N, C-alpha and C. Protein backbone atom coordinates (compact mmCIF):
# COMPACT_ATOMS: atom_id res chain seq x y z
N UNK A 1 19.88 10.12 5.58
CA UNK A 1 19.37 10.59 6.91
C UNK A 1 18.67 9.42 7.62
N UNK A 2 18.00 8.60 6.63
CA UNK A 2 17.11 7.50 7.12
C UNK A 2 17.97 6.35 7.32
N UNK A 3 19.07 6.12 6.75
CA UNK A 3 20.18 5.10 6.98
C UNK A 3 20.72 5.44 8.43
N UNK A 4 21.06 6.50 8.59
CA UNK A 4 21.60 7.01 10.13
C UNK A 4 20.74 6.82 11.15
N UNK A 5 19.61 7.31 10.97
CA UNK A 5 18.38 6.66 12.06
C UNK A 5 18.25 5.59 12.20
N UNK A 6 18.16 4.48 11.20
CA UNK A 6 18.31 3.23 11.31
C UNK A 6 19.56 2.32 12.10
N UNK A 7 20.56 3.01 11.63
CA UNK A 7 21.71 2.79 12.27
C UNK A 7 21.71 2.86 13.59
N UNK A 8 21.24 4.13 13.95
CA UNK A 8 21.14 4.73 15.25
C UNK A 8 20.21 3.65 16.35
N UNK A 9 19.10 3.22 15.69
CA UNK A 9 18.03 2.43 16.47
C UNK A 9 18.92 0.91 16.51
N UNK A 10 19.42 0.43 15.60
CA UNK A 10 19.74 -0.57 15.53
C UNK A 10 21.03 -0.77 16.77
N UNK A 11 21.94 -0.21 16.76
CA UNK A 11 23.03 0.31 17.76
C UNK A 11 22.18 0.46 19.00
N UNK A 12 21.42 1.21 19.17
CA UNK A 12 20.75 1.43 20.53
C UNK A 12 20.06 0.19 21.01
N UNK A 13 19.46 -0.63 20.23
CA UNK A 13 18.80 -1.83 20.55
C UNK A 13 19.77 -2.86 20.98
N UNK A 14 20.66 -2.98 20.05
CA UNK A 14 22.10 -3.86 20.73
C UNK A 14 22.48 -3.48 21.93
N UNK A 15 22.83 -2.22 22.24
CA UNK A 15 23.41 -1.86 23.51
C UNK A 15 22.40 -1.91 24.61
N UNK A 16 21.20 -1.83 24.41
CA UNK A 16 19.96 -2.28 25.55
C UNK A 16 20.00 -3.97 25.72
N UNK A 17 20.25 -4.83 24.70
CA UNK A 17 20.25 -6.19 24.99
C UNK A 17 21.43 -6.51 25.84
N UNK A 18 22.68 -5.98 25.51
CA UNK A 18 24.08 -6.04 26.41
C UNK A 18 23.92 -5.65 27.94
N UNK A 19 23.29 -4.34 27.89
CA UNK A 19 22.92 -3.79 29.12
C UNK A 19 21.94 -4.59 30.06
N UNK A 20 21.01 -5.62 29.21
CA UNK A 20 20.60 -6.43 30.39
C UNK A 20 21.08 -7.24 31.29
N UNK A 21 22.31 -7.74 30.87
CA UNK A 21 23.09 -8.42 31.67
C UNK A 21 23.49 -7.76 32.98
N UNK A 22 23.75 -6.22 32.83
CA UNK A 22 24.32 -5.88 33.90
C UNK A 22 23.25 -4.94 34.80
N UNK A 23 21.97 -4.78 34.36
CA UNK A 23 21.06 -4.23 34.65
C UNK A 23 20.25 -4.96 36.16
N UNK A 24 20.00 -4.24 36.87
CA UNK A 24 19.10 -4.90 38.15
C UNK A 24 17.72 -5.17 37.69
N UNK A 25 17.05 -5.76 38.33
CA UNK A 25 15.71 -6.31 38.05
C UNK A 25 14.68 -5.00 37.96
N UNK A 26 15.15 -3.89 38.64
CA UNK A 26 14.20 -2.62 38.33
C UNK A 26 14.18 -2.35 37.22
N UNK A 27 15.29 -2.09 36.35
CA UNK A 27 15.48 -1.69 35.04
C UNK A 27 15.15 -2.58 33.76
N UNK A 28 15.06 -3.88 34.07
CA UNK A 28 14.92 -4.73 33.25
C UNK A 28 14.04 -4.37 32.12
N UNK A 29 12.58 -4.34 32.98
CA UNK A 29 11.43 -4.10 32.29
C UNK A 29 11.62 -2.86 31.06
N UNK A 30 11.94 -1.89 31.65
CA UNK A 30 12.14 -0.77 30.76
C UNK A 30 13.12 -1.03 29.55
N UNK A 31 14.27 -1.70 29.70
CA UNK A 31 15.08 -2.36 28.82
C UNK A 31 14.18 -2.99 28.08
N UNK A 32 13.61 -4.21 28.07
CA UNK A 32 12.66 -4.92 27.68
C UNK A 32 11.93 -4.14 26.36
N UNK A 33 11.08 -3.17 27.05
CA UNK A 33 10.36 -2.36 26.22
C UNK A 33 11.16 -1.42 25.39
N UNK A 34 12.10 -1.02 25.47
CA UNK A 34 12.84 -0.11 24.72
C UNK A 34 13.36 -0.96 23.51
N UNK A 35 13.84 -2.20 23.81
CA UNK A 35 14.39 -3.00 22.73
C UNK A 35 13.43 -3.53 21.90
N UNK A 36 11.91 -3.93 22.58
CA UNK A 36 10.92 -4.40 21.84
C UNK A 36 10.46 -3.14 20.98
N UNK A 37 10.47 -1.76 21.56
CA UNK A 37 9.90 -0.82 20.43
C UNK A 37 10.88 -0.51 19.25
N UNK A 38 12.28 -0.51 19.66
CA UNK A 38 13.54 -0.46 18.65
C UNK A 38 13.17 -1.61 17.52
N UNK A 39 13.06 -2.79 18.03
CA UNK A 39 12.99 -3.84 17.02
C UNK A 39 11.54 -3.51 16.17
N UNK A 40 10.28 -3.05 16.84
CA UNK A 40 9.36 -2.95 15.93
C UNK A 40 9.49 -1.74 15.02
N UNK A 41 10.37 -0.76 15.25
CA UNK A 41 10.38 0.47 14.52
C UNK A 41 11.23 -0.13 13.24
N UNK A 42 12.18 -1.07 13.59
CA UNK A 42 13.08 -1.42 12.39
C UNK A 42 12.05 -2.31 11.58
N UNK A 43 11.50 -3.22 12.02
CA UNK A 43 10.71 -4.32 11.35
C UNK A 43 9.57 -3.50 10.55
N UNK A 44 9.00 -2.21 10.98
CA UNK A 44 8.11 -1.56 10.24
C UNK A 44 8.84 -0.75 8.89
N UNK A 45 9.94 -0.48 9.59
CA UNK A 45 10.73 0.49 8.65
C UNK A 45 11.07 -0.45 6.95
N UNK A 46 11.44 -1.69 7.67
CA UNK A 46 11.96 -2.53 6.46
C UNK A 46 10.55 -3.06 5.67
N UNK A 47 9.52 -3.49 6.50
CA UNK A 47 8.55 -3.87 5.53
C UNK A 47 7.75 -2.71 4.78
N UNK A 48 7.97 -1.46 5.36
CA UNK A 48 7.36 -0.44 4.52
C UNK A 48 8.28 -0.21 3.24
N UNK A 49 9.79 -0.27 3.52
CA UNK A 49 10.71 -0.19 2.21
C UNK A 49 10.50 -1.48 1.34
N UNK A 50 9.78 -2.54 1.60
CA UNK A 50 9.89 -3.59 0.80
C UNK A 50 8.87 -3.81 -0.10
N UNK A 51 7.78 -2.76 0.51
CA UNK A 51 6.45 -2.71 -0.26
C UNK A 51 5.56 -4.14 -0.14
N UNK A 52 5.88 -4.71 0.95
CA UNK A 52 5.33 -6.16 0.83
C UNK A 52 3.66 -6.01 1.52
N UNK A 53 3.43 -4.78 2.29
CA UNK A 53 2.47 -4.30 2.91
C UNK A 53 1.64 -3.25 1.76
């Protein structure tokens, strides 16, 4: 289940990055926020799994 969630978050982050090229200026800020949140979630998950913190 966790791997599926991680894969879904990564796929959504990639989709948001690609959508930035087609999005107007009105939606770019929301897409940047979504991509930043997804990246933070993945980084937090990976750091938590590696037991470095």
